[in-house]
Amino acid sequence: MNQRLAKTVGVAALSIATMGLFIPQAAAHRADNLPAGLDCERLHCTNNTNTDYIVDYKIFCGDIRTGKVADVFDTNDLVTAHQNKTLYPGCHRGEPLHTDFQDARESHIPDHWPSGSAG
């Protein structure tokens, strides 16, 4: 009985230690340098503000099975006010592995484009 308990405690401790290794990695994908109310993590952004933002980020592409990076490039995406948006960056080599959110700036794209002819 003591061996079974020791084995169970050992497995539980190993599971907790393993989770501890992955938690800092997940936190590293979170963008703390974005404006308040704009939260981006991995490939998803939530904008809880009344402002549209263009979010600049670096995408790391590669093999999702091994985690090996094959390509890295800078890109951006529009996240409108009160939007929950999944980002779909195109990777030429592999799949999106993770992101590094660099910055966000207010978007000044008009809500409605002028219609008709000028004049």
PDB file of N, CA and C in Angstrom:
ATOM      1  N   MET A   1       0.814  -1.186   0.000  1.00  0.00           N
ATOM      2  CA  MET A   1       0.000   0.000   0.000  1.00  0.00           C
ATOM      3  C   MET A   1       0.864   1.259   0.000  1.00  0.00           C
ATOM      4  N   ASN A   2       1.958   1.252   0.744  1.00  0.00           N
ATOM      5  CA  ASN A   2       2.843   2.401   0.797  1.00  0.00           C
ATOM      6  C   ASN A   2       3.515   2.645  -0.540  1.00  0.00           C
ATOM      7  N   GLN A   3       3.820   1.571  -1.277  1.00  0.00           N
ATOM      8  CA  GLN A   3       4.429   1.737  -2.594  1.00  0.00           C
ATOM      9  C   GLN A   3       3.449   2.395  -3.559  1.00  0.00           C
ATOM     10  N   ARG A   4       2.179   1.989  -3.490  1.00  0.00           N
ATOM     11  CA  ARG A   4       1.160   2.578  -4.364  1.00  0.00           C
ATOM     12  C   ARG A   4       0.989   4.064  -4.056  1.00  0.00           C
ATOM     13  N   LEU A   5       0.954   4.419  -2.778  1.00  0.00           N
ATOM     14  CA  LEU A   5       0.829   5.820  -2.379  1.00  0.00           C
ATOM     15  C   LEU A   5       2.051   6.621  -2.831  1.00  0.00           C
ATOM     16  N   ALA A   6       3.229   6.060  -2.641  1.00  0.00           N
ATOM     17  CA  ALA A   6       4.454   6.756  -3.055  1.00  0.00           C
ATOM     18  C   ALA A   6       4.466   6.960  -4.572  1.00  0.00           C
ATOM     19  N   LYS A   7       4.007   5.953  -5.312  1.00  0.00           N
ATOM     20  CA  LYS A   7       3.968   6.068  -6.770  1.00  0.00           C
ATOM     21  C   LYS A   7       2.967   7.143  -7.202  1.00  0.00           C
ATOM     22  N   THR A   8       1.808   7.182  -6.568  1.00  0.00           N
ATOM     23  CA  THR A   8       0.784   8.177  -6.890  1.00  0.00           C
ATOM     24  C   THR A   8       1.285   9.587  -6.581  1.00  0.00           C
ATOM     25  N   VAL A   9       1.918   9.746  -5.421  1.00  0.00           N
ATOM     26  CA  VAL A   9       2.459  11.052  -5.045  1.00  0.00           C
ATOM     27  C   VAL A   9       3.562  11.458  -6.014  1.00  0.00           C
ATOM     28  N   GLY A  10       4.403  10.505  -6.420  1.00  0.00           N
ATOM     29  CA  GLY A  10       5.472  10.788  -7.373  1.00  0.00           C
ATOM     30  C   GLY A  10       4.941  11.236  -8.722  1.00  0.00           C
ATOM     31  N   VAL A  11       3.903  10.559  -9.219  1.00  0.00           N
ATOM     32  CA  VAL A  11       3.291  10.931 -10.496  1.00  0.00           C
ATOM     33  C   VAL A  11       2.650  12.309 -10.388  1.00  0.00           C
ATOM     34  N   ALA A  12       1.969  12.589  -9.286  1.00  0.00           N
ATOM     35  CA  ALA A  12       1.340  13.897  -9.095  1.00  0.00           C
ATOM     36  C   ALA A  12       2.403  14.994  -9.038  1.00  0.00           C
ATOM     37  N   ALA A  13       3.495  14.758  -8.343  1.00  0.00           N
ATOM     38  CA  ALA A  13       4.567  15.761  -8.256  1.00  0.00           C
ATOM     39  C   ALA A  13       5.188  16.000  -9.620  1.00  0.00           C
ATOM     40  N   LEU A  14       5.385  14.945 -10.394  1.00  0.00           N
ATOM     41  CA  LEU A  14       5.941  15.087 -11.735  1.00  0.00           C
ATOM     42  C   LEU A  14       4.993  15.878 -12.632  1.00  0.00           C
ATOM     43  N   SER A  15       3.696  15.615 -12.520  1.00  0.00           N
ATOM     44  CA  SER A  15       2.709  16.355 -13.312  1.00  0.00           C
ATOM     45  C   SER A  15       2.725  17.834 -12.962  1.00  0.00           C
ATOM     46  N   ILE A  16       2.795  18.156 -11.681  1.00  0.00           N
ATOM     47  CA  ILE A  16       2.828  19.545 -11.242  1.00  0.00           C
ATOM     48  C   ILE A  16       4.110  20.220 -11.731  1.00  0.00           C
ATOM     49  N   ALA A  17       5.228  19.535 -11.644  1.00  0.00           N
ATOM     50  CA  ALA A  17       6.496  20.102 -12.112  1.00  0.00           C
ATOM     51  C   ALA A  17       6.459  20.339 -13.616  1.00  0.00           C
ATOM     52  N   THR A  18       5.875  19.400 -14.357  1.00  0.00           N
ATOM     53  CA  THR A  18       5.774  19.550 -15.812  1.00  0.00           C
ATOM     54  C   THR A  18       4.901  20.741 -16.156  1.00  0.00           C
ATOM     55  N   MET A  19       3.779  20.904 -15.462  1.00  0.00           N
ATOM     56  CA  MET A  19       2.927  22.069 -15.706  1.00  0.00           C
ATOM     57  C   MET A  19       3.692  23.353 -15.429  1.00  0.00           C
ATOM     58  N   GLY A  20       4.511  23.368 -14.407  1.00  0.00           N
ATOM     59  CA  GLY A  20       5.309  24.540 -14.078  1.00  0.00           C
ATOM     60  C   GLY A  20       6.271  24.911 -15.187  1.00  0.00           C
ATOM     61  N   LEU A  21       6.739  23.919 -15.934  1.00  0.00           N
ATOM     62  CA  LEU A  21       7.642  24.199 -17.050  1.00  0.00           C
ATOM     63  C   LEU A  21       6.916  24.868 -18.199  1.00  0.00           C
ATOM     64  N   PHE A  22       5.663  24.523 -18.415  1.00  0.00           N
ATOM     65  CA  PHE A  22       4.923  25.049 -19.559  1.00  0.00           C
ATOM     66  C   PHE A  22       4.228  26.371 -19.268  1.00  0.00           C
ATOM     67  N   ILE A  23       3.920  26.666 -18.035  1.00  0.00           N
ATOM     68  CA  ILE A  23       3.239  27.909 -17.705  1.00  0.00           C
ATOM     69  C   ILE A  23       4.070  29.135 -18.100  1.00  0.00           C
ATOM     70  N   PRO A  24       5.371  29.201 -17.797  1.00  0.00           N
ATOM     71  CA  PRO A  24       6.135  30.369 -18.236  1.00  0.00           C
ATOM     72  C   PRO A  24       6.167  30.515 -19.760  1.00  0.00           C
ATOM     73  N   GLN A  25       6.186  29.406 -20.500  1.00  0.00           N
ATOM     74  CA  GLN A  25       6.169  29.494 -21.956  1.00  0.00           C
ATOM     75  C   GLN A  25       4.874  30.120 -22.438  1.00  0.00           C
ATOM     76  N   ALA A  26       3.761  29.713 -21.884  1.00  0.00           N
ATOM     77  CA  ALA A  26       2.477  30.274 -22.293  1.00  0.00           C
ATOM     78  C   ALA A  26       2.426  31.754 -21.972  1.00  0.00           C
ATOM     79  N   ALA A  27       2.949  32.130 -20.837  1.00  0.00           N
ATOM     80  CA  ALA A  27       2.947  33.538 -20.456  1.00  0.00           C
ATOM     81  C   ALA A  27       3.820  34.358 -21.399  1.00  0.00           C
ATOM     82  N   ALA A  28       4.847  33.762 -21.942  1.00  0.00           N
ATOM     83  CA  ALA A  28       5.739  34.490 -22.849  1.00  0.00           C
ATOM     84  C   ALA A  28       5.033  34.876 -24.137  1.00  0.00           C
ATOM     85  N   HIS A  29       3.953  34.198 -24.481  1.00  0.00           N
ATOM     86  CA  HIS A  29       3.214  34.492 -25.708  1.00  0.00           C
ATOM     87  C   HIS A  29       2.211  35.627 -25.509  1.00  0.00           C
ATOM     88  N   ARG A  30       2.051  36.084 -24.289  1.00  0.00           N
ATOM     89  CA  ARG A  30       1.110  37.137 -23.977  1.00  0.00           C
ATOM     90  C   ARG A  30       1.756  38.501 -24.175  1.00  0.00           C
ATOM     91  N   ALA A  31       1.007  39.444 -24.670  1.00  0.00           N
ATOM     92  CA  ALA A  31       1.555  40.775 -24.938  1.00  0.00           C
ATOM     93  C   ALA A  31       1.203  41.734 -23.812  1.00  0.00           C
ATOM     94  N   ASP A  32       2.185  42.097 -23.018  1.00  0.00           N
ATOM     95  CA  ASP A  32       1.962  43.035 -21.921  1.00  0.00           C
ATOM     96  C   ASP A  32       2.223  44.474 -22.339  1.00  0.00           C
ATOM     97  N   ASN A  33       2.743  44.687 -23.547  1.00  0.00           N
ATOM     98  CA  ASN A  33       3.075  46.036 -24.002  1.00  0.00           C
ATOM     99  C   ASN A  33       1.967  46.655 -24.857  1.00  0.00           C
ATOM    100  N   LEU A  34       0.816  46.031 -24.912  1.00  0.00           N
ATOM    101  CA  LEU A  34      -0.307  46.567 -25.686  1.00  0.00           C
ATOM    102  C   LEU A  34      -1.140  47.504 -24.825  1.00  0.00           C
ATOM    103  N   PRO A  35      -1.941  48.366 -25.450  1.00  0.00           N
ATOM    104  CA  PRO A  35      -2.782  49.295 -24.687  1.00  0.00           C
ATOM    105  C   PRO A  35      -3.755  48.550 -23.763  1.00  0.00           C
ATOM    106  N   ALA A  36      -4.109  49.197 -22.683  1.00  0.00           N
ATOM    107  CA  ALA A  36      -5.075  48.617 -21.744  1.00  0.00           C
ATOM    108  C   ALA A  36      -6.377  48.316 -22.474  1.00  0.00           C
ATOM    109  N   GLY A  37      -6.915  47.129 -22.246  1.00  0.00           N
ATOM    110  CA  GLY A  37      -8.164  46.732 -22.884  1.00  0.00           C
ATOM    111  C   GLY A  37      -7.972  45.925 -24.153  1.00  0.00           C
ATOM    112  N   LEU A  38      -6.752  45.872 -24.665  1.00  0.00           N
ATOM    113  CA  LEU A  38      -6.429  45.054 -25.839  1.00  0.00           C
ATOM    114  C   LEU A  38      -5.551  43.915 -25.359  1.00  0.00           C
ATOM    115  N   ASP A  39      -6.078  42.698 -25.419  1.00  0.00           N
ATOM    116  CA  ASP A  39      -5.375  41.535 -24.904  1.00  0.00           C
ATOM    117  C   ASP A  39      -5.123  40.560 -26.039  1.00  0.00           C
ATOM    118  N   CYS A  40      -3.859  40.273 -26.311  1.00  0.00           N
ATOM    119  CA  CYS A  40      -3.503  39.320 -27.363  1.00  0.00           C
ATOM    120  C   CYS A  40      -2.653  38.217 -26.762  1.00  0.00           C
ATOM    121  N   GLU A  41      -3.004  36.995 -27.106  1.00  0.00           N
ATOM    122  CA  GLU A  41      -2.287  35.834 -26.612  1.00  0.00           C
ATOM    123  C   GLU A  41      -2.311  34.760 -27.687  1.00  0.00           C
ATOM    124  N   ARG A  42      -1.149  34.212 -27.978  1.00  0.00           N
ATOM    125  CA  ARG A  42      -0.977  33.215 -29.030  1.00  0.00           C
ATOM    126  C   ARG A  42      -1.515  33.751 -30.343  1.00  0.00           C
ATOM    127  N   LEU A  43      -2.586  33.220 -30.884  1.00  0.00           N
ATOM    128  CA  LEU A  43      -3.138  33.698 -32.161  1.00  0.00           C
ATOM    129  C   LEU A  43      -4.532  34.288 -31.970  1.00  0.00           C
ATOM    130  N   HIS A  44      -4.766  34.926 -30.833  1.00  0.00           N
ATOM    131  CA  HIS A  44      -6.096  35.473 -30.559  1.00  0.00           C
ATOM    132  C   HIS A  44      -5.966  36.834 -29.874  1.00  0.00           C
ATOM    133  N   CYS A  45      -6.787  37.791 -30.311  1.00  0.00           N
ATOM    134  CA  CYS A  45      -6.831  39.110 -29.676  1.00  0.00           C
ATOM    135  C   CYS A  45      -8.262  39.430 -29.265  1.00  0.00           C
ATOM    136  N   THR A  46      -8.403  40.041 -28.104  1.00  0.00           N
ATOM    137  CA  THR A  46      -9.685  40.528 -27.607  1.00  0.00           C
ATOM    138  C   THR A  46      -9.538  42.019 -27.358  1.00  0.00           C
ATOM    139  N   ASN A  47     -10.385  42.794 -28.024  1.00  0.00           N
ATOM    140  CA  ASN A  47     -10.352  44.243 -27.885  1.00  0.00           C
ATOM    141  C   ASN A  47     -11.579  44.682 -27.098  1.00  0.00           C
ATOM    142  N   ASN A  48     -11.380  45.091 -25.867  1.00  0.00           N
ATOM    143  CA  ASN A  48     -12.471  45.544 -25.003  1.00  0.00           C
ATOM    144  C   ASN A  48     -12.524  47.055 -24.927  1.00  0.00           C
ATOM    145  N   THR A  49     -12.086  47.725 -25.986  1.00  0.00           N
ATOM    146  CA  THR A  49     -12.079  49.189 -26.001  1.00  0.00           C
ATOM    147  C   THR A  49     -13.005  49.705 -27.101  1.00  0.00           C
ATOM    148  N   ASN A  50     -13.142  51.008 -27.168  1.00  0.00           N
ATOM    149  CA  ASN A  50     -13.930  51.648 -28.235  1.00  0.00           C
ATOM    150  C   ASN A  50     -13.044  52.085 -29.396  1.00  0.00           C
ATOM    151  N   THR A  51     -11.812  51.607 -29.432  1.00  0.00           N
ATOM    152  CA  THR A  51     -10.838  52.013 -30.437  1.00  0.00           C
ATOM    153  C   THR A  51     -10.447  50.832 -31.310  1.00  0.00           C
ATOM    154  N   ASP A  52     -10.310  51.063 -32.615  1.00  0.00           N
ATOM    155  CA  ASP A  52      -9.766  50.054 -33.518  1.00  0.00           C
ATOM    156  C   ASP A  52      -8.249  50.126 -33.444  1.00  0.00           C
ATOM    157  N   TYR A  53      -7.579  48.965 -33.430  1.00  0.00           N
ATOM    158  CA  TYR A  53      -6.128  48.933 -33.362  1.00  0.00           C
ATOM    159  C   TYR A  53      -5.542  48.094 -34.489  1.00  0.00           C
ATOM    160  N   ILE A  54      -4.401  48.535 -34.989  1.00  0.00           N
ATOM    161  CA  ILE A  54      -3.587  47.708 -35.871  1.00  0.00           C
ATOM    162  C   ILE A  54      -2.512  47.114 -34.969  1.00  0.00           C
ATOM    163  N   VAL A  55      -2.508  45.798 -34.869  1.00  0.00           N
ATOM    164  CA  VAL A  55      -1.600  45.091 -33.990  1.00  0.00           C
ATOM    165  C   VAL A  55      -0.418  44.576 -34.811  1.00  0.00           C
ATOM    166  N   ASP A  56       0.786  44.973 -34.423  1.00  0.00           N
ATOM    167  CA  ASP A  56       2.008  44.514 -35.074  1.00  0.00           C
ATOM    168  C   ASP A  56       2.556  43.328 -34.290  1.00  0.00           C
ATOM    169  N   TYR A  57       2.892  42.254 -35.021  1.00  0.00           N
ATOM    170  CA  TYR A  57       3.443  41.088 -34.337  1.00  0.00           C
ATOM    171  C   TYR A  57       4.390  40.318 -35.242  1.00  0.00           C
ATOM    172  N   LYS A  58       5.210  39.538 -34.603  1.00  0.00           N
ATOM    173  CA  LYS A  58       6.162  38.673 -35.280  1.00  0.00           C
ATOM    174  C   LYS A  58       5.582  37.261 -35.194  1.00  0.00           C
ATOM    175  N   ILE A  59       5.534  36.563 -36.314  1.00  0.00           N
ATOM    176  CA  ILE A  59       5.004  35.201 -36.345  1.00  0.00           C
ATOM    177  C   ILE A  59       6.150  34.217 -36.586  1.00  0.00           C
ATOM    178  N   PHE A  60       6.151  33.168 -35.815  1.00  0.00           N
ATOM    179  CA  PHE A  60       7.159  32.118 -35.939  1.00  0.00           C
ATOM    180  C   PHE A  60       6.471  30.896 -36.546  1.00  0.00           C
ATOM    181  N   CYS A  61       6.950  30.454 -37.698  1.00  0.00           N
ATOM    182  CA  CYS A  61       6.338  29.348 -38.429  1.00  0.00           C
ATOM    183  C   CYS A  61       7.276  28.147 -38.430  1.00  0.00           C
ATOM    184  N   GLY A  62       6.682  26.972 -38.471  1.00  0.00           N
ATOM    185  CA  GLY A  62       7.514  25.772 -38.523  1.00  0.00           C
ATOM    186  C   GLY A  62       6.702  24.517 -38.335  1.00  0.00           C
ATOM    187  N   ASP A  63       7.359  23.492 -37.825  1.00  0.00           N
ATOM    188  CA  ASP A  63       6.767  22.175 -37.642  1.00  0.00           C
ATOM    189  C   ASP A  63       6.115  22.103 -36.262  1.00  0.00           C
ATOM    190  N   ILE A  64       4.785  21.948 -36.225  1.00  0.00           N
ATOM    191  CA  ILE A  64       4.086  21.940 -34.936  1.00  0.00           C
ATOM    192  C   ILE A  64       4.396  20.682 -34.124  1.00  0.00           C
ATOM    193  N   ARG A  65       4.828  19.604 -34.780  1.00  0.00           N
ATOM    194  CA  ARG A  65       5.152  18.385 -34.040  1.00  0.00           C
ATOM    195  C   ARG A  65       6.455  18.530 -33.264  1.00  0.00           C
ATOM    196  N   THR A  66       7.439  19.172 -33.870  1.00  0.00           N
ATOM    197  CA  THR A  66       8.748  19.290 -33.229  1.00  0.00           C
ATOM    198  C   THR A  66       8.959  20.652 -32.566  1.00  0.00           C
ATOM    199  N   GLY A  67       8.172  21.649 -32.981  1.00  0.00           N
ATOM    200  CA  GLY A  67       8.356  23.002 -32.467  1.00  0.00           C
ATOM    201  C   GLY A  67       9.522  23.729 -33.122  1.00  0.00           C
ATOM    202  N   LYS A  68      10.096  23.122 -34.145  1.00  0.00           N
ATOM    203  CA  LYS A  68      11.251  23.716 -34.827  1.00  0.00           C
ATOM    204  C   LYS A  68      10.793  24.844 -35.749  1.00  0.00           C
ATOM    205  N   VAL A  69      11.402  26.015 -35.590  1.00  0.00           N
ATOM    206  CA  VAL A  69      11.052  27.201 -36.367  1.00  0.00           C
ATOM    207  C   VAL A  69      11.746  27.144 -37.729  1.00  0.00           C
ATOM    208  N   ALA A  70      10.959  27.367 -38.792  1.00  0.00           N
ATOM    209  CA  ALA A  70      11.502  27.377 -40.149  1.00  0.00           C
ATOM    210  C   ALA A  70      11.517  28.778 -40.733  1.00  0.00           C
ATOM    211  N   ASP A  71      10.655  29.662 -40.222  1.00  0.00           N
ATOM    212  CA  ASP A  71      10.526  30.992 -40.804  1.00  0.00           C
ATOM    213  C   ASP A  71       9.980  31.951 -39.749  1.00  0.00           C
ATOM    214  N   VAL A  72      10.429  33.198 -39.799  1.00  0.00           N
ATOM    215  CA  VAL A  72       9.957  34.246 -38.895  1.00  0.00           C
ATOM    216  C   VAL A  72       9.728  35.493 -39.732  1.00  0.00           C
ATOM    217  N   PHE A  73       8.569  36.120 -39.560  1.00  0.00           N
ATOM    218  CA  PHE A  73       8.350  37.370 -40.273  1.00  0.00           C
ATOM    219  C   PHE A  73       7.432  38.295 -39.491  1.00  0.00           C
ATOM    220  N   ASP A  74       7.528  39.597 -39.819  1.00  0.00           N
ATOM    221  CA  ASP A  74       6.699  40.619 -39.188  1.00  0.00           C
ATOM    222  C   ASP A  74       5.428  40.813 -39.991  1.00  0.00           C
ATOM    223  N   THR A  75       4.327  40.979 -39.287  1.00  0.00           N
ATOM    224  CA  THR A  75       3.045  41.213 -39.936  1.00  0.00           C
ATOM    225  C   THR A  75       2.171  42.056 -39.007  1.00  0.00           C
ATOM    226  N   ASN A  76       0.969  42.380 -39.456  1.00  0.00           N
ATOM    227  CA  ASN A  76       0.034  43.109 -38.601  1.00  0.00           C
ATOM    228  C   ASN A  76      -1.387  42.716 -38.969  1.00  0.00           C
ATOM    229  N   ASP A  77      -2.306  43.074 -38.095  1.00  0.00           N
ATOM    230  CA  ASP A  77      -3.710  42.743 -38.304  1.00  0.00           C
ATOM    231  C   ASP A  77      -4.567  43.796 -37.632  1.00  0.00           C
ATOM    232  N   LEU A  78      -5.723  44.064 -38.207  1.00  0.00           N
ATOM    233  CA  LEU A  78      -6.675  45.014 -37.649  1.00  0.00           C
ATOM    234  C   LEU A  78      -7.587  44.286 -36.667  1.00  0.00           C
ATOM    235  N   VAL A  79      -7.680  44.836 -35.448  1.00  0.00           N
ATOM    236  CA  VAL A  79      -8.600  44.321 -34.436  1.00  0.00           C
ATOM    237  C   VAL A  79      -9.514  45.481 -34.077  1.00  0.00           C
ATOM    238  N   THR A  80     -10.769  45.372 -34.484  1.00  0.00           N
ATOM    239  CA  THR A  80     -11.709  46.471 -34.299  1.00  0.00           C
ATOM    240  C   THR A  80     -12.240  46.524 -32.860  1.00  0.00           C
ATOM    241  N   ALA A  81     -12.869  47.630 -32.529  1.00  0.00           N
ATOM    242  CA  ALA A  81     -13.423  47.833 -31.187  1.00  0.00           C
ATOM    243  C   ALA A  81     -14.377  46.698 -30.821  1.00  0.00           C
ATOM    244  N   HIS A  82     -14.226  46.182 -29.626  1.00  0.00           N
ATOM    245  CA  HIS A  82     -15.092  45.135 -29.058  1.00  0.00           C
ATOM    246  C   HIS A  82     -15.090  43.851 -29.881  1.00  0.00           C
ATOM    247  N   GLN A  83     -13.977  43.549 -30.502  1.00  0.00           N
ATOM    248  CA  GLN A  83     -13.873  42.349 -31.337  1.00  0.00           C
ATOM    249  C   GLN A  83     -13.033  41.281 -30.644  1.00  0.00           C
ATOM    250  N   ASN A  84     -13.470  40.033 -30.780  1.00  0.00           N
ATOM    251  CA  ASN A  84     -12.664  38.865 -30.433  1.00  0.00           C
ATOM    252  C   ASN A  84     -12.218  38.283 -31.760  1.00  0.00           C
ATOM    253  N   LYS A  85     -10.908  38.269 -32.005  1.00  0.00           N
ATOM    254  CA  LYS A  85     -10.430  37.891 -33.332  1.00  0.00           C
ATOM    255  C   LYS A  85      -9.325  36.846 -33.247  1.00  0.00           C
ATOM    256  N   THR A  86      -9.486  35.807 -34.041  1.00  0.00           N
ATOM    257  CA  THR A  86      -8.422  34.829 -34.230  1.00  0.00           C
ATOM    258  C   THR A  86      -7.610  35.277 -35.427  1.00  0.00           C
ATOM    259  N   LEU A  87      -6.290  35.323 -35.249  1.00  0.00           N
ATOM    260  CA  LEU A  87      -5.393  35.757 -36.312  1.00  0.00           C
ATOM    261  C   LEU A  87      -5.013  34.548 -37.170  1.00  0.00           C
ATOM    262  N   TYR A  88      -4.983  34.748 -38.480  1.00  0.00           N
ATOM    263  CA  TYR A  88      -4.619  33.688 -39.410  1.00  0.00           C
ATOM    264  C   TYR A  88      -3.453  34.135 -40.293  1.00  0.00           C
ATOM    265  N   PRO A  89      -2.269  34.279 -39.707  1.00  0.00           N
ATOM    266  CA  PRO A  89      -1.133  34.689 -40.529  1.00  0.00           C
ATOM    267  C   PRO A  89      -0.732  33.569 -41.473  1.00  0.00           C
ATOM    268  N   GLY A  90      -0.380  33.927 -42.681  1.00  0.00           N
ATOM    269  CA  GLY A  90       0.034  32.925 -43.659  1.00  0.00           C
ATOM    270  C   GLY A  90       1.490  32.560 -43.473  1.00  0.00           C
ATOM    271  N   CYS A  91       1.733  31.308 -43.243  1.00  0.00           N
ATOM    272  CA  CYS A  91       3.100  30.809 -43.132  1.00  0.00           C
ATOM    273  C   CYS A  91       3.459  30.115 -44.438  1.00  0.00           C
ATOM    274  N   HIS A  92       4.557  30.541 -45.037  1.00  0.00           N
ATOM    275  CA  HIS A  92       4.996  29.919 -46.283  1.00  0.00           C
ATOM    276  C   HIS A  92       5.676  28.581 -46.009  1.00  0.00           C
ATOM    277  N   ARG A  93       6.307  28.484 -44.843  1.00  0.00           N
ATOM    278  CA  ARG A  93       6.991  27.245 -44.475  1.00  0.00           C
ATOM    279  C   ARG A  93       6.474  26.787 -43.123  1.00  0.00           C
ATOM    280  N   GLY A  94       5.553  25.850 -43.125  1.00  0.00           N
ATOM    281  CA  GLY A  94       5.031  25.292 -41.888  1.00  0.00           C
ATOM    282  C   GLY A  94       3.775  25.982 -41.408  1.00  0.00           C
ATOM    283  N   GLU A  95       3.474  25.763 -40.141  1.00  0.00           N
ATOM    284  CA  GLU A  95       2.286  26.288 -39.479  1.00  0.00           C
ATOM    285  C   GLU A  95       2.702  27.336 -38.447  1.00  0.00           C
ATOM    286  N   PRO A  96       1.770  28.233 -38.068  1.00  0.00           N
ATOM    287  CA  PRO A  96       2.093  29.198 -37.012  1.00  0.00           C
ATOM    288  C   PRO A  96       2.379  28.467 -35.694  1.00  0.00           C
ATOM    289  N   LEU A  97       3.541  28.720 -35.121  1.00  0.00           N
ATOM    290  CA  LEU A  97       3.909  28.098 -33.848  1.00  0.00           C
ATOM    291  C   LEU A  97       3.596  29.009 -32.675  1.00  0.00           C
ATOM    292  N   HIS A  98       4.042  30.255 -32.774  1.00  0.00           N
ATOM    293  CA  HIS A  98       3.742  31.223 -31.719  1.00  0.00           C
ATOM    294  C   HIS A  98       3.967  32.627 -32.246  1.00  0.00           C
ATOM    295  N   THR A  99       3.577  33.594 -31.446  1.00  0.00           N
ATOM    296  CA  THR A  99       3.650  34.999 -31.844  1.00  0.00           C
ATOM    297  C   THR A  99       4.384  35.807 -30.785  1.00  0.00           C
ATOM    298  N   ASP A 100       4.917  36.910 -31.231  1.00  0.00           N
ATOM    299  CA  ASP A 100       5.534  37.883 -30.342  1.00  0.00           C
ATOM    300  C   ASP A 100       4.890  39.222 -30.684  1.00  0.00           C
ATOM    301  N   PHE A 101       3.939  39.657 -29.871  1.00  0.00           N
ATOM    302  CA  PHE A 101       3.218  40.890 -30.135  1.00  0.00           C
ATOM    303  C   PHE A 101       4.110  42.074 -29.802  1.00  0.00           C
ATOM    304  N   GLN A 102       4.347  42.924 -30.796  1.00  0.00           N
ATOM    305  CA  GLN A 102       5.281  44.025 -30.664  1.00  0.00           C
ATOM    306  C   GLN A 102       4.624  45.307 -30.170  1.00  0.00           C
ATOM    307  N   ASP A 103       3.507  45.679 -30.813  1.00  0.00           N
ATOM    308  CA  ASP A 103       2.944  47.005 -30.577  1.00  0.00           C
ATOM    309  C   ASP A 103       1.528  47.044 -31.143  1.00  0.00           C
ATOM    310  N   ALA A 104       0.795  48.082 -30.800  1.00  0.00           N
ATOM    311  CA  ALA A 104      -0.519  48.339 -31.397  1.00  0.00           C
ATOM    312  C   ALA A 104      -0.680  49.836 -31.534  1.00  0.00           C
ATOM    313  N   ARG A 105      -1.243  50.243 -32.661  1.00  0.00           N
ATOM    314  CA  ARG A 105      -1.478  51.676 -32.875  1.00  0.00           C
ATOM    315  C   ARG A 105      -2.929  51.849 -33.297  1.00  0.00           C
ATOM    316  N   GLU A 106      -3.471  53.007 -32.966  1.00  0.00           N
ATOM    317  CA  GLU A 106      -4.860  53.287 -33.327  1.00  0.00           C
ATOM    318  C   GLU A 106      -5.007  53.267 -34.839  1.00  0.00           C
ATOM    319  N   SER A 107      -6.081  52.677 -35.296  1.00  0.00           N
ATOM    320  CA  SER A 107      -6.379  52.642 -36.723  1.00  0.00           C
ATOM    321  C   SER A 107      -7.232  53.854 -37.060  1.00  0.00           C
ATOM    322  N   HIS A 108      -6.876  54.523 -38.125  1.00  0.00           N
ATOM    323  CA  HIS A 108      -7.631  55.696 -38.554  1.00  0.00           C
ATOM    324  C   HIS A 108      -8.329  55.434 -39.884  1.00  0.00           C
ATOM    325  N   ILE A 109      -8.710  54.189 -40.105  1.00  0.00           N
ATOM    326  CA  ILE A 109      -9.462  53.830 -41.295  1.00  0.00           C
ATOM    327  C   ILE A 109     -10.904  54.278 -41.069  1.00  0.00           C
ATOM    328  N   PRO A 110     -11.485  55.053 -41.971  1.00  0.00           N
ATOM    329  CA  PRO A 110     -12.860  55.527 -41.759  1.00  0.00           C
ATOM    330  C   PRO A 110     -13.851  54.371 -41.750  1.00  0.00           C
ATOM    331  N   ASP A 111     -14.916  54.537 -40.946  1.00  0.00           N
ATOM    332  CA  ASP A 111     -15.956  53.507 -40.873  1.00  0.00           C
ATOM    333  C   ASP A 111     -16.645  53.310 -42.215  1.00  0.00           C
ATOM    334  N   HIS A 112     -16.852  54.400 -42.948  1.00  0.00           N
ATOM    335  CA  HIS A 112     -17.540  54.328 -44.243  1.00  0.00           C
ATOM    336  C   HIS A 112     -16.713  55.084 -45.271  1.00  0.00           C
ATOM    337  N   TRP A 113     -16.422  54.419 -46.357  1.00  0.00           N
ATOM    338  CA  TRP A 113     -15.698  55.066 -47.441  1.00  0.00           C
ATOM    339  C   TRP A 113     -16.645  55.989 -48.182  1.00  0.00           C
ATOM    340  N   PRO A 114     -16.184  57.108 -48.655  1.00  0.00           N
ATOM    341  CA  PRO A 114     -17.061  58.019 -49.426  1.00  0.00           C
ATOM    342  C   PRO A 114     -17.623  57.298 -50.645  1.00  0.00           C
ATOM    343  N   SER A 115     -18.848  57.580 -50.968  1.00  0.00           N
ATOM    344  CA  SER A 115     -19.448  56.942 -52.140  1.00  0.00           C
ATOM    345  C   SER A 115     -19.779  57.995 -53.187  1.00  0.00           C
ATOM    346  N   GLY A 116     -19.945  57.554 -54.400  1.00  0.00           N
ATOM    347  CA  GLY A 116     -20.284  58.478 -55.482  1.00  0.00           C
ATOM    348  C   GLY A 116     -19.056  59.154 -56.046  1.00  0.00           C
ATOM    349  N   SER A 117     -19.274  60.067 -56.941  1.00  0.00           N
ATOM    350  CA  SER A 117     -18.150  60.765 -57.568  1.00  0.00           C
ATOM    351  C   SER A 117     -17.931  62.098 -56.886  1.00  0.00           C
ATOM    352  N   ALA A 118     -16.700  62.521 -56.918  1.00  0.00           N
ATOM    353  CA  ALA A 118     -16.364  63.810 -56.339  1.00  0.00           C
ATOM    354  C   ALA A 118     -16.747  64.904 -57.334  1.00  0.00           C
ATOM    355  N   GLY A 119     -17.387  65.913 -56.847  1.00  0.00           N
ATOM    356  CA  GLY A 119     -17.623  66.979 -57.775  1.00  0.00           C
ATOM    357  C   GLY A 119     -18.943  67.516 -57.720  1.00  0.00           C
TER     358      GLY A 119
END
